[in-house]
Amino acid sequence: MKEVWENMTIDVIEVLFRDLTDLLMTGILPNPDG
C-alpha cells in the first residue's frame, strides 16, 4: 500500500506542477504587466 500511495502522490504532484507551469506560461507571456 505504501508504494501505491507514493506513486499516486507523485502522479498528483506531476499533474499539479504541469498545471501550474501552464498557468504561469499563459499568464505571464501574453500579459507581462499582469
C-alpha atoms as a PDB file:
ATOM      1  CA  MET A   1       0.000   0.000   0.000  1.00  0.00           C
ATOM      2  CA  LYS A   2       2.840   2.378   0.803  1.00  0.00           C
ATOM      3  CA  GLU A   3       4.297   2.131  -2.704  1.00  0.00           C
ATOM      4  CA  VAL A   4       0.861   2.706  -4.237  1.00  0.00           C
ATOM      5  CA  TRP A   5       0.341   5.862  -2.173  1.00  0.00           C
ATOM      6  CA  GLU A   6       3.798   7.136  -3.099  1.00  0.00           C
ATOM      7  CA  ASN A   7       3.111   6.568  -6.801  1.00  0.00           C
ATOM      8  CA  MET A   8      -0.272   8.303  -6.522  1.00  0.00           C
ATOM      9  CA  THR A   9       1.190  11.336  -4.752  1.00  0.00           C
ATOM     10  CA  ILE A  10       3.976  11.560  -7.344  1.00  0.00           C
ATOM     11  CA  ASP A  11       1.416  11.479 -10.177  1.00  0.00           C
ATOM     12  CA  VAL A  12      -0.702  14.155  -8.479  1.00  0.00           C
ATOM     13  CA  ILE A  13       2.348  16.362  -7.898  1.00  0.00           C
ATOM     14  CA  GLU A  14       3.406  15.974 -11.535  1.00  0.00           C
ATOM     15  CA  VAL A  15      -0.074  16.919 -12.777  1.00  0.00           C
ATOM     16  CA  LEU A  16      -0.289  19.899 -10.414  1.00  0.00           C
ATOM     17  CA  PHE A  17       3.204  21.002 -11.449  1.00  0.00           C
ATOM     18  CA  ARG A  18       2.220  20.824 -15.124  1.00  0.00           C
ATOM     19  CA  ASP A  19      -0.957  22.823 -14.482  1.00  0.00           C
ATOM     20  CA  LEU A  20       0.985  25.448 -12.520  1.00  0.00           C
ATOM     21  CA  THR A  21       3.643  25.798 -15.213  1.00  0.00           C
ATOM     22  CA  ASP A  22       0.933  26.065 -17.887  1.00  0.00           C
ATOM     23  CA  LEU A  23      -0.861  28.766 -15.886  1.00  0.00           C
ATOM     24  CA  LEU A  24       2.392  30.655 -15.350  1.00  0.00           C
ATOM     25  CA  MET A  25       3.366  30.442 -19.017  1.00  0.00           C
ATOM     26  CA  THR A  26      -0.068  31.506 -20.301  1.00  0.00           C
ATOM     27  CA  GLY A  27      -0.442  34.127 -17.553  1.00  0.00           C
ATOM     28  CA  ILE A  28       2.992  35.725 -17.856  1.00  0.00           C
ATOM     29  CA  LEU A  29       3.825  35.603 -21.569  1.00  0.00           C
ATOM     30  CA  PRO A  30       0.700  37.195 -23.132  1.00  0.00           C
ATOM     31  CA  ASN A  31       0.339  39.816 -20.360  1.00  0.00           C
ATOM     32  CA  PRO A  32       3.754  40.833 -18.955  1.00  0.00           C
ATOM     33  CA  ASP A  33       2.112  43.644 -16.985  1.00  0.00           C
ATOM     34  CA  GLY A  34      -0.092  41.151 -15.154  1.00  0.00           C
END
